[in-house]
N, C-alpha and C. Protein backbone atom coordinates (compact mmCIF):
# COMPACT_ATOMS: atom_id res chain seq x y z
N MET A 1 0.81 -1.17 -0.09
CA MET A 1 -0.06 0.00 -0.09
C MET A 1 0.86 1.29 -0.23
N TYR A 2 1.72 1.16 0.70
CA TYR A 2 2.89 2.42 0.85
C TYR A 2 3.58 2.84 -0.39
N LEU A 3 3.96 1.55 -1.08
CA LEU A 3 4.73 1.70 -2.25
C LEU A 3 3.64 2.38 -3.42
N ALA A 4 2.34 1.96 -3.43
CA ALA A 4 1.53 2.60 -4.35
C ALA A 4 1.39 4.04 -4.16
N ALA A 5 1.16 4.28 -2.89
CA ALA A 5 0.81 5.81 -2.48
C ALA A 5 2.05 6.44 -2.88
N GLY A 6 3.27 6.07 -2.53
CA GLY A 6 4.35 6.86 -2.97
C GLY A 6 4.67 7.07 -4.17
N ARG A 7 4.26 6.14 -5.26
CA ARG A 7 4.42 5.76 -6.59
C ARG A 7 3.40 7.08 -7.22
N LEU A 8 2.22 7.07 -6.75
CA LEU A 8 1.33 8.08 -7.06
C LEU A 8 1.79 9.35 -6.62
N LEU A 9 2.22 9.74 -5.40
CA LEU A 9 2.72 10.99 -5.23
C LEU A 9 3.81 11.51 -6.09
N LYS A 10 4.67 10.58 -6.19
CA LYS A 10 5.96 10.83 -7.12
C LYS A 10 5.35 11.40 -8.23
N GLY A 11 4.62 10.40 -8.93
CA GLY A 11 4.11 10.70 -10.34
C GLY A 11 3.33 11.97 -10.42
N LEU A 12 2.64 12.58 -9.16
CA LEU A 12 1.98 13.63 -9.61
C LEU A 12 3.03 14.90 -9.33
N LEU A 13 4.05 14.78 -8.54
CA LEU A 13 5.01 15.74 -8.29
C LEU A 13 5.88 16.02 -9.74
N LEU A 14 6.19 14.97 -10.28
CA LEU A 14 6.89 14.87 -11.66
C LEU A 14 5.94 15.52 -12.55
N ALA A 15 4.78 15.20 -12.88
CA ALA A 15 3.85 15.94 -13.61
C ALA A 15 3.69 17.31 -13.35
N GLN A 16 3.59 17.87 -12.06
CA GLN A 16 3.60 19.33 -11.76
C GLN A 16 5.02 20.18 -12.04
N GLU A 17 6.01 19.29 -12.09
CA GLU A 17 7.45 19.76 -12.49
C GLU A 17 7.61 19.97 -13.98
N GLY A 18 6.50 19.51 -14.99
CA GLY A 18 6.50 19.62 -15.94
C GLY A 18 7.09 18.34 -16.80
N ARG A 19 7.24 17.48 -15.97
CA ARG A 19 7.82 16.11 -16.41
C ARG A 19 6.65 14.96 -16.49
N ALA A 20 5.32 15.51 -17.24
CA ALA A 20 4.36 14.59 -17.26
C ALA A 20 4.38 13.19 -17.69
N GLU A 21 5.23 13.08 -18.64
CA GLU A 21 5.32 11.77 -19.39
C GLU A 21 5.90 10.86 -18.27
N GLU A 22 6.80 11.23 -17.39
CA GLU A 22 7.57 10.49 -16.60
C GLU A 22 6.75 10.37 -15.30
N GLY A 23 5.83 11.21 -14.96
CA GLY A 23 4.88 11.07 -14.09
C GLY A 23 3.73 10.04 -14.25
N VAL A 24 3.11 10.04 -15.55
CA VAL A 24 2.23 9.14 -15.81
C VAL A 24 2.90 7.56 -16.07
N ALA A 25 3.98 7.66 -16.46
CA ALA A 25 4.56 6.38 -16.50
C ALA A 25 4.83 5.80 -15.17
N LEU A 26 5.33 6.59 -14.26
CA LEU A 26 5.62 6.21 -12.90
C LEU A 26 4.26 5.71 -12.24
N MET A 27 3.19 6.46 -12.51
CA MET A 27 1.94 6.04 -11.89
C MET A 27 1.33 4.76 -12.46
N ARG A 28 1.70 4.48 -13.76
CA ARG A 28 1.14 3.31 -14.43
C ARG A 28 2.34 2.38 -14.22
N GLU A 29 3.12 1.87 -15.15
CA GLU A 29 3.79 0.55 -14.98
C GLU A 29 5.35 0.72 -14.84
N GLY A 30 5.59 1.81 -15.48
CA GLY A 30 7.17 2.17 -15.60
C GLY A 30 8.08 1.91 -14.47
N GLY A 31 7.59 2.77 -13.45
CA GLY A 31 8.18 2.85 -11.87
C GLY A 31 7.54 1.78 -10.92
N ALA A 32 6.23 1.30 -11.40
CA ALA A 32 5.72 0.23 -10.53
C ALA A 32 6.17 -1.23 -10.81
N GLY A 33 6.77 -1.43 -11.99
CA GLY A 33 7.30 -2.58 -12.23
C GLY A 33 8.62 -2.74 -11.55
N ARG A 34 9.33 -1.84 -11.46
CA ARG A 34 10.78 -1.66 -10.77
C ARG A 34 10.38 -1.68 -9.30
N LEU A 35 9.49 -0.99 -8.78
CA LEU A 35 9.34 -1.26 -7.64
C LEU A 35 8.81 -2.71 -7.12
N ARG A 36 7.91 -3.30 -8.01
CA ARG A 36 7.37 -4.51 -7.71
C ARG A 36 8.47 -5.58 -7.58
N ALA A 37 9.44 -5.45 -8.58
CA ALA A 37 10.72 -6.26 -8.54
C ALA A 37 11.43 -6.13 -7.10
N GLU A 38 11.73 -5.06 -6.71
CA GLU A 38 12.32 -4.73 -5.73
C GLU A 38 11.69 -5.62 -4.65
N ALA A 39 10.25 -5.30 -4.38
CA ALA A 39 9.33 -5.84 -3.35
C ALA A 39 9.58 -7.56 -3.40
N LEU A 40 9.56 -8.09 -4.69
CA LEU A 40 9.59 -9.44 -4.96
C LEU A 40 10.98 -9.84 -4.48
N ARG A 41 11.88 -9.25 -4.71
CA ARG A 41 13.30 -9.77 -4.15
C ARG A 41 13.42 -9.65 -2.75
N ARG A 42 12.82 -8.73 -2.01
CA ARG A 42 13.04 -8.57 -0.47
C ARG A 42 12.16 -9.49 0.13
N ASN A 43 10.84 -10.08 -0.70
CA ASN A 43 10.36 -11.06 0.14
C ASN A 43 10.62 -12.32 -0.47
N GLY A 44 11.83 -12.68 -0.93
CA GLY A 44 12.12 -13.77 -1.08
C GLY A 44 11.79 -14.63 -2.59
N ALA A 45 11.05 -13.64 -3.43
CA ALA A 45 10.72 -14.26 -4.73
C ALA A 45 11.88 -14.53 -5.60
N GLY A 46 11.64 -15.48 -6.49
CA GLY A 46 12.76 -15.70 -7.41
C GLY A 46 13.30 -14.80 -8.42
N TYR A 47 14.32 -15.12 -9.07
CA TYR A 47 15.17 -14.37 -9.98
C TYR A 47 14.26 -13.88 -11.06
N ASP A 48 13.56 -15.13 -11.60
CA ASP A 48 12.80 -15.17 -12.79
C ASP A 48 11.61 -14.15 -12.57
N ALA A 49 10.85 -14.05 -11.39
CA ALA A 49 9.79 -13.10 -11.17
C ALA A 49 10.32 -11.69 -11.17
N ALA A 50 11.44 -11.37 -10.38
CA ALA A 50 11.83 -10.09 -10.42
C ALA A 50 12.54 -9.74 -11.82
N LYS A 51 12.90 -10.51 -12.43
CA LYS A 51 13.52 -10.11 -13.93
C LYS A 51 12.38 -9.75 -14.81
N ALA A 52 11.20 -10.59 -14.75
CA ALA A 52 10.04 -10.44 -15.52
C ALA A 52 9.36 -8.99 -15.18
N ALA A 53 9.48 -8.65 -14.06
CA ALA A 53 8.76 -7.27 -13.66
C ALA A 53 9.65 -6.22 -13.93
N LEU A 54 11.15 -6.48 -13.95
CA LEU A 54 11.90 -5.31 -14.47
C LEU A 54 11.86 -5.26 -16.14
N GLU A 55 11.57 -6.27 -16.58
CA GLU A 55 11.38 -6.24 -18.18
C GLU A 55 10.42 -5.48 -18.41
N ARG A 56 9.26 -6.02 -17.96
CA ARG A 56 7.97 -4.95 -18.11
C ARG A 56 8.17 -3.47 -17.83
N ALA A 57 8.77 -3.18 -16.74
CA ALA A 57 8.91 -1.90 -16.38
C ALA A 57 9.92 -1.10 -17.55
N LEU A 58 10.87 -1.73 -18.07
CA LEU A 58 11.59 -1.25 -19.28
C LEU A 58 10.72 -1.05 -20.36
N ALA A 59 10.15 -2.02 -20.72
CA ALA A 59 9.26 -1.93 -21.91
C ALA A 59 8.25 -0.71 -21.73
N SER A 60 7.64 -0.64 -20.64
CA SER A 60 6.75 0.57 -20.40
C SER A 60 7.48 1.71 -20.34
N ALA A 61 8.74 2.13 -19.98
CA ALA A 61 9.41 3.07 -19.73
C ALA A 61 9.94 3.53 -21.23
N ARG A 62 10.22 2.68 -22.02
CA ARG A 62 10.50 2.74 -23.29
C ARG A 62 9.31 3.29 -24.33
N GLN A 63 8.16 2.64 -24.02
CA GLN A 63 6.87 2.91 -24.59
C GLN A 63 6.35 4.44 -24.54
N THR A 64 6.62 5.01 -23.29
CA THR A 64 6.34 6.33 -22.82
C THR A 64 7.53 7.25 -22.97
N ASN A 65 8.54 6.82 -23.48
CA ASN A 65 9.50 7.50 -23.61
C ASN A 65 10.11 8.25 -22.44
N ALA A 66 10.06 7.64 -21.22
CA ALA A 66 10.49 8.21 -20.00
C ALA A 66 11.87 7.69 -19.75
N LYS A 67 12.77 8.68 -20.16
CA LYS A 67 14.00 8.07 -20.06
C LYS A 67 14.67 7.91 -18.55
N SER A 68 14.48 8.65 -17.61
CA SER A 68 14.79 8.16 -16.42
C SER A 68 14.31 7.04 -15.94
N LEU A 69 13.11 6.81 -15.96
CA LEU A 69 12.50 5.54 -15.75
C LEU A 69 13.10 4.31 -16.39
N GLU A 70 13.43 4.59 -17.79
CA GLU A 70 14.23 3.44 -18.42
C GLU A 70 15.47 3.27 -17.82
N LEU A 71 16.06 4.20 -17.51
CA LEU A 71 17.60 4.18 -16.90
C LEU A 71 17.65 3.46 -15.61
N ARG A 72 16.66 3.90 -14.78
CA ARG A 72 16.36 3.16 -13.51
C ARG A 72 16.10 1.62 -13.58
N ALA A 73 15.21 1.29 -14.63
CA ALA A 73 14.81 -0.23 -14.85
C ALA A 73 16.09 -0.87 -15.35
N GLU A 74 16.88 -0.23 -16.44
CA GLU A 74 18.18 -0.69 -16.86
C GLU A 74 19.06 -1.00 -15.77
N THR A 75 19.26 -0.09 -14.95
CA THR A 75 20.22 -0.21 -13.80
C THR A 75 19.77 -1.19 -13.00
N ALA A 76 18.58 -1.50 -12.43
CA ALA A 76 18.11 -2.43 -11.50
C ALA A 76 17.93 -3.93 -12.18
N LEU A 77 18.06 -3.91 -13.52
CA LEU A 77 17.93 -5.13 -14.10
C LEU A 77 19.32 -5.58 -14.34
N ALA A 78 20.30 -4.68 -14.46
CA ALA A 78 21.85 -4.97 -14.36
C ALA A 78 22.20 -5.53 -13.17
N GLU A 79 21.76 -4.83 -12.09
CA GLU A 79 22.05 -5.14 -10.66
C GLU A 79 21.60 -6.52 -10.30
N LEU A 80 20.38 -6.89 -10.80
CA LEU A 80 19.77 -8.14 -10.56
C LEU A 80 20.60 -9.30 -11.26
N ARG A 81 21.16 -8.92 -12.51
CA ARG A 81 21.84 -9.95 -13.34
C ARG A 81 23.14 -10.24 -12.55
N SER A 82 23.76 -9.05 -11.95
CA SER A 82 25.13 -9.38 -11.31
C SER A 82 25.05 -10.04 -9.94
N THR A 83 23.84 -10.29 -9.39
CA THR A 83 23.79 -11.06 -8.08
C THR A 83 23.83 -12.56 -8.39
């Protein structure tokens, strides 16, 4: 619940800063997928589940052209692969 509320708030703040595309992507899937992957890993979920969530986040960020979210998803995916 807190992850979703934080994502929504951050998305709204980005939109207010003139970064609407990033804000919308964050409120939708781009940022949510990355946060979902982090939550999955923290709760003992397998590598495949976290990887799938990050790949969905990456695809969503690319689709919306949200470069910072794309970079975050790529970074998280690289960190996952290195573990």
